[in-house]
Amino acid sequence: MNLQRRLALLEKQIVSEPTLLTMPDGSTVSMPSRGDYLVRLFAAMIGGEACGPEQARHLDLIRSCTASHEPGGGRLVEVIRCFLVGPVKKDRLQLARSD
């Protein structure tokens, strides 16, 4: 099985599950996870490309969210947030302690 066919099969498995964003008020917002949507959204943001209205709305949701759950345990929303929000201030950083 070649790599392209394998990737297509994996994308079919992921497409049905949405990305869930947790908002500051505790509500959750569903965002599509079709194919490589988040990768293309990230690339457009980094490349400075003009976003369509739906992409701009999704970037605003990502900027506002406090947590996310991506299909397959992905972390791309967190990476996008780093570029949208910037670094966390040291006084807001909570380090996990192992007692």
N, C-alpha and C. Protein backbone atom coordinates (compact mmCIF):
# COMPACT_ATOMS: atom_id res chain seq x y z
N MET A 1 0.85 -1.18 0.00
CA MET A 1 0.00 0.00 0.00
C MET A 1 0.90 1.24 0.00
N ASN A 2 0.68 2.13 -0.93
CA ASN A 2 1.53 3.32 -0.97
C ASN A 2 1.10 4.34 0.08
N LEU A 3 1.97 5.27 0.32
CA LEU A 3 1.76 6.26 1.38
C LEU A 3 0.52 7.12 1.14
N GLN A 4 0.30 7.52 -0.10
CA GLN A 4 -0.84 8.38 -0.40
C GLN A 4 -2.17 7.67 -0.10
N ARG A 5 -2.28 6.41 -0.44
CA ARG A 5 -3.52 5.67 -0.15
C ARG A 5 -3.70 5.51 1.35
N ARG A 6 -2.61 5.26 2.07
CA ARG A 6 -2.69 5.11 3.52
C ARG A 6 -3.16 6.42 4.18
N LEU A 7 -2.61 7.55 3.72
CA LEU A 7 -3.03 8.84 4.26
C LEU A 7 -4.50 9.10 3.97
N ALA A 8 -4.95 8.75 2.78
CA ALA A 8 -6.37 8.94 2.43
C ALA A 8 -7.26 8.13 3.36
N LEU A 9 -6.86 6.90 3.68
CA LEU A 9 -7.65 6.07 4.60
C LEU A 9 -7.67 6.67 6.00
N LEU A 10 -6.54 7.19 6.45
CA LEU A 10 -6.48 7.82 7.77
C LEU A 10 -7.35 9.07 7.83
N GLU A 11 -7.33 9.87 6.75
CA GLU A 11 -8.15 11.08 6.71
C GLU A 11 -9.64 10.73 6.79
N LYS A 12 -10.05 9.65 6.15
CA LYS A 12 -11.46 9.24 6.20
C LYS A 12 -11.88 8.93 7.63
N GLN A 13 -10.97 8.35 8.40
CA GLN A 13 -11.29 8.02 9.79
C GLN A 13 -11.44 9.29 10.63
N ILE A 14 -10.63 10.28 10.35
CA ILE A 14 -10.61 11.51 11.14
C ILE A 14 -11.75 12.45 10.77
N VAL A 15 -12.14 12.48 9.52
CA VAL A 15 -13.09 13.46 9.02
C VAL A 15 -14.39 13.48 9.82
N SER A 16 -14.85 12.35 10.30
CA SER A 16 -16.15 12.31 10.96
C SER A 16 -16.13 12.95 12.35
N GLU A 17 -14.99 13.04 12.99
CA GLU A 17 -14.90 13.61 14.33
C GLU A 17 -14.59 15.10 14.26
N PRO A 18 -15.37 15.94 14.92
CA PRO A 18 -15.06 17.37 14.93
C PRO A 18 -13.99 17.70 15.97
N THR A 19 -13.39 18.85 15.83
CA THR A 19 -12.52 19.39 16.86
C THR A 19 -13.41 20.16 17.83
N LEU A 20 -13.25 19.89 19.11
CA LEU A 20 -14.07 20.56 20.12
C LEU A 20 -13.23 21.60 20.85
N LEU A 21 -13.75 22.82 20.91
CA LEU A 21 -13.08 23.91 21.60
C LEU A 21 -13.86 24.25 22.86
N THR A 22 -13.17 24.36 23.97
CA THR A 22 -13.80 24.77 25.23
C THR A 22 -13.60 26.27 25.38
N MET A 23 -14.69 26.98 25.56
CA MET A 23 -14.66 28.43 25.64
C MET A 23 -14.57 28.87 27.11
N PRO A 24 -14.20 30.13 27.36
CA PRO A 24 -14.04 30.60 28.74
C PRO A 24 -15.27 30.42 29.63
N ASP A 25 -16.47 30.45 29.05
CA ASP A 25 -17.68 30.28 29.86
C ASP A 25 -18.03 28.81 30.12
N GLY A 26 -17.17 27.89 29.66
CA GLY A 26 -17.39 26.46 29.88
C GLY A 26 -18.14 25.77 28.75
N SER A 27 -18.67 26.54 27.82
CA SER A 27 -19.38 25.93 26.68
C SER A 27 -18.37 25.33 25.70
N THR A 28 -18.86 24.44 24.86
CA THR A 28 -18.00 23.86 23.83
C THR A 28 -18.52 24.25 22.46
N VAL A 29 -17.59 24.46 21.55
CA VAL A 29 -17.90 24.81 20.18
C VAL A 29 -17.26 23.75 19.30
N SER A 30 -18.01 23.28 18.33
CA SER A 30 -17.54 22.26 17.41
C SER A 30 -16.98 22.93 16.16
N MET A 31 -15.83 22.46 15.72
CA MET A 31 -15.20 22.98 14.52
C MET A 31 -14.90 21.81 13.59
N PRO A 32 -15.07 21.95 12.28
CA PRO A 32 -14.84 20.81 11.39
C PRO A 32 -13.40 20.34 11.40
N SER A 33 -13.22 19.06 11.21
CA SER A 33 -11.88 18.48 11.13
C SER A 33 -11.71 17.72 9.82
N ARG A 34 -12.33 18.21 8.79
CA ARG A 34 -12.27 17.51 7.52
C ARG A 34 -10.87 17.57 6.92
N GLY A 35 -10.35 16.41 6.60
CA GLY A 35 -9.04 16.33 5.94
C GLY A 35 -7.96 17.08 6.68
N ASP A 36 -7.31 17.96 5.96
CA ASP A 36 -6.20 18.74 6.52
C ASP A 36 -6.60 20.18 6.80
N TYR A 37 -7.84 20.39 7.20
CA TYR A 37 -8.37 21.75 7.40
C TYR A 37 -7.52 22.56 8.38
N LEU A 38 -7.18 21.99 9.52
CA LEU A 38 -6.39 22.74 10.51
C LEU A 38 -4.99 23.04 10.00
N VAL A 39 -4.42 22.11 9.25
CA VAL A 39 -3.09 22.34 8.68
C VAL A 39 -3.15 23.50 7.68
N ARG A 40 -4.18 23.49 6.82
CA ARG A 40 -4.32 24.58 5.85
C ARG A 40 -4.61 25.91 6.53
N LEU A 41 -5.39 25.88 7.60
CA LEU A 41 -5.69 27.09 8.37
C LEU A 41 -4.40 27.65 8.98
N PHE A 42 -3.59 26.78 9.54
CA PHE A 42 -2.31 27.17 10.12
C PHE A 42 -1.38 27.75 9.04
N ALA A 43 -1.31 27.07 7.90
CA ALA A 43 -0.44 27.53 6.81
C ALA A 43 -0.87 28.90 6.30
N ALA A 44 -2.17 29.12 6.17
CA ALA A 44 -2.68 30.41 5.71
C ALA A 44 -2.34 31.50 6.71
N MET A 45 -2.47 31.19 8.00
CA MET A 45 -2.18 32.16 9.04
C MET A 45 -0.70 32.52 9.05
N ILE A 46 0.16 31.52 8.96
CA ILE A 46 1.60 31.75 8.98
C ILE A 46 2.06 32.47 7.72
N GLY A 47 1.48 32.09 6.58
CA GLY A 47 1.88 32.68 5.31
C GLY A 47 1.29 34.06 5.07
N GLY A 48 0.42 34.52 5.95
CA GLY A 48 -0.18 35.83 5.80
C GLY A 48 -1.23 35.90 4.70
N GLU A 49 -1.74 34.75 4.29
CA GLU A 49 -2.76 34.72 3.25
C GLU A 49 -4.08 35.26 3.80
N ALA A 50 -4.87 35.82 2.91
CA ALA A 50 -6.19 36.31 3.29
C ALA A 50 -7.09 35.11 3.60
N CYS A 51 -7.80 35.19 4.70
CA CYS A 51 -8.71 34.12 5.11
C CYS A 51 -10.12 34.48 4.68
N GLY A 52 -10.89 33.45 4.40
CA GLY A 52 -12.31 33.64 4.12
C GLY A 52 -13.04 33.88 5.42
N PRO A 53 -14.32 34.22 5.36
CA PRO A 53 -15.08 34.51 6.58
C PRO A 53 -15.15 33.33 7.54
N GLU A 54 -15.30 32.11 7.01
CA GLU A 54 -15.36 30.93 7.89
C GLU A 54 -14.01 30.69 8.56
N GLN A 55 -12.93 30.82 7.82
CA GLN A 55 -11.60 30.64 8.40
C GLN A 55 -11.33 31.70 9.46
N ALA A 56 -11.70 32.94 9.19
CA ALA A 56 -11.49 34.02 10.16
C ALA A 56 -12.29 33.75 11.44
N ARG A 57 -13.51 33.25 11.29
CA ARG A 57 -14.34 32.91 12.46
C ARG A 57 -13.70 31.79 13.27
N HIS A 58 -13.16 30.79 12.58
CA HIS A 58 -12.51 29.68 13.29
C HIS A 58 -11.24 30.15 14.00
N LEU A 59 -10.48 31.04 13.38
CA LEU A 59 -9.30 31.58 14.05
C LEU A 59 -9.69 32.37 15.29
N ASP A 60 -10.79 33.13 15.22
CA ASP A 60 -11.27 33.86 16.40
C ASP A 60 -11.70 32.90 17.52
N LEU A 61 -12.35 31.79 17.13
CA LEU A 61 -12.74 30.79 18.13
C LEU A 61 -11.50 30.17 18.78
N ILE A 62 -10.51 29.84 17.96
CA ILE A 62 -9.27 29.26 18.50
C ILE A 62 -8.58 30.25 19.42
N ARG A 63 -8.56 31.51 19.04
CA ARG A 63 -7.93 32.55 19.87
C ARG A 63 -8.62 32.65 21.23
N SER A 64 -9.92 32.47 21.25
CA SER A 64 -10.71 32.63 22.48
C SER A 64 -10.78 31.40 23.35
N CYS A 65 -10.53 30.23 22.79
CA CYS A 65 -10.76 29.00 23.55
C CYS A 65 -9.74 28.82 24.68
N THR A 66 -10.14 28.02 25.65
CA THR A 66 -9.26 27.73 26.79
C THR A 66 -8.68 26.32 26.71
N ALA A 67 -9.30 25.45 25.92
CA ALA A 67 -8.83 24.08 25.75
C ALA A 67 -9.41 23.53 24.45
N SER A 68 -8.84 22.41 24.00
CA SER A 68 -9.36 21.79 22.78
C SER A 68 -9.21 20.28 22.85
N HIS A 69 -10.04 19.61 22.08
CA HIS A 69 -9.94 18.16 21.92
C HIS A 69 -10.00 17.89 20.43
N GLU A 70 -8.88 17.40 19.89
CA GLU A 70 -8.81 17.11 18.45
C GLU A 70 -8.89 15.60 18.23
N PRO A 71 -9.44 15.20 17.09
CA PRO A 71 -9.50 13.77 16.77
C PRO A 71 -8.10 13.16 16.78
N GLY A 72 -8.00 12.00 17.36
CA GLY A 72 -6.72 11.30 17.37
C GLY A 72 -5.71 11.88 18.34
N GLY A 73 -6.13 12.81 19.20
CA GLY A 73 -5.21 13.38 20.19
C GLY A 73 -4.29 14.45 19.64
N GLY A 74 -4.64 15.04 18.51
CA GLY A 74 -3.80 16.07 17.90
C GLY A 74 -3.65 17.30 18.79
N ARG A 75 -2.66 18.12 18.49
CA ARG A 75 -2.39 19.33 19.27
C ARG A 75 -2.22 20.57 18.39
N LEU A 76 -2.73 20.52 17.17
CA LEU A 76 -2.52 21.63 16.24
C LEU A 76 -3.24 22.90 16.69
N VAL A 77 -4.38 22.77 17.34
CA VAL A 77 -5.09 23.96 17.85
C VAL A 77 -4.19 24.69 18.85
N GLU A 78 -3.48 23.97 19.69
CA GLU A 78 -2.58 24.59 20.66
C GLU A 78 -1.45 25.33 19.96
N VAL A 79 -0.94 24.75 18.88
CA VAL A 79 0.13 25.41 18.12
C VAL A 79 -0.40 26.70 17.49
N ILE A 80 -1.58 26.63 16.91
CA ILE A 80 -2.19 27.82 16.30
C ILE A 80 -2.40 28.90 17.35
N ARG A 81 -2.88 28.50 18.54
CA ARG A 81 -3.09 29.47 19.63
C ARG A 81 -1.80 30.17 20.02
N CYS A 82 -0.68 29.44 20.00
CA CYS A 82 0.61 30.05 20.34
C CYS A 82 0.92 31.22 19.41
N PHE A 83 0.60 31.06 18.14
CA PHE A 83 0.87 32.13 17.18
C PHE A 83 -0.16 33.25 17.27
N LEU A 84 -1.39 32.93 17.64
CA LEU A 84 -2.44 33.95 17.72
C LEU A 84 -2.35 34.76 19.01
N VAL A 85 -2.08 34.09 20.12
CA VAL A 85 -2.13 34.73 21.43
C VAL A 85 -0.76 35.18 21.89
N GLY A 86 0.28 34.47 21.51
CA GLY A 86 1.63 34.80 21.95
C GLY A 86 2.01 34.00 23.18
N PRO A 87 3.19 34.25 23.70
CA PRO A 87 3.66 33.48 24.85
C PRO A 87 2.86 33.77 26.11
N VAL A 88 2.79 32.79 26.97
CA VAL A 88 2.10 32.94 28.25
C VAL A 88 3.02 33.72 29.19
N LYS A 89 2.45 34.70 29.87
CA LYS A 89 3.24 35.48 30.81
C LYS A 89 3.65 34.58 31.98
N LYS A 90 4.83 34.81 32.49
CA LYS A 90 5.39 33.96 33.53
C LYS A 90 4.49 33.86 34.75
N ASP A 91 3.82 34.94 35.14
CA ASP A 91 2.97 34.91 36.32
C ASP A 91 1.70 34.10 36.09
N ARG A 92 1.33 33.84 34.81
CA ARG A 92 0.14 33.04 34.51
C ARG A 92 0.49 31.58 34.28
N LEU A 93 1.76 31.28 34.16
CA LEU A 93 2.20 29.92 33.88
C LEU A 93 2.06 29.06 35.13
N GLN A 94 1.36 27.95 34.99
CA GLN A 94 1.20 27.05 36.13
C GLN A 94 2.03 25.80 35.84
N LEU A 95 3.00 25.56 36.64
CA LEU A 95 3.84 24.38 36.46
C LEU A 95 3.28 23.20 37.22
N ALA A 96 3.30 22.06 36.61
CA ALA A 96 2.83 20.85 37.29
C ALA A 96 3.87 20.42 38.29
N ARG A 97 3.43 20.11 39.49
CA ARG A 97 4.35 19.67 40.54
C ARG A 97 4.19 18.19 40.74
N SER A 98 5.29 17.53 40.92
CA SER A 98 5.25 16.09 41.23
C SER A 98 5.69 15.90 42.67
N ASP A 99 4.73 15.80 43.56
CA ASP A 99 5.02 15.62 45.00
C ASP A 99 5.03 14.17 45.37
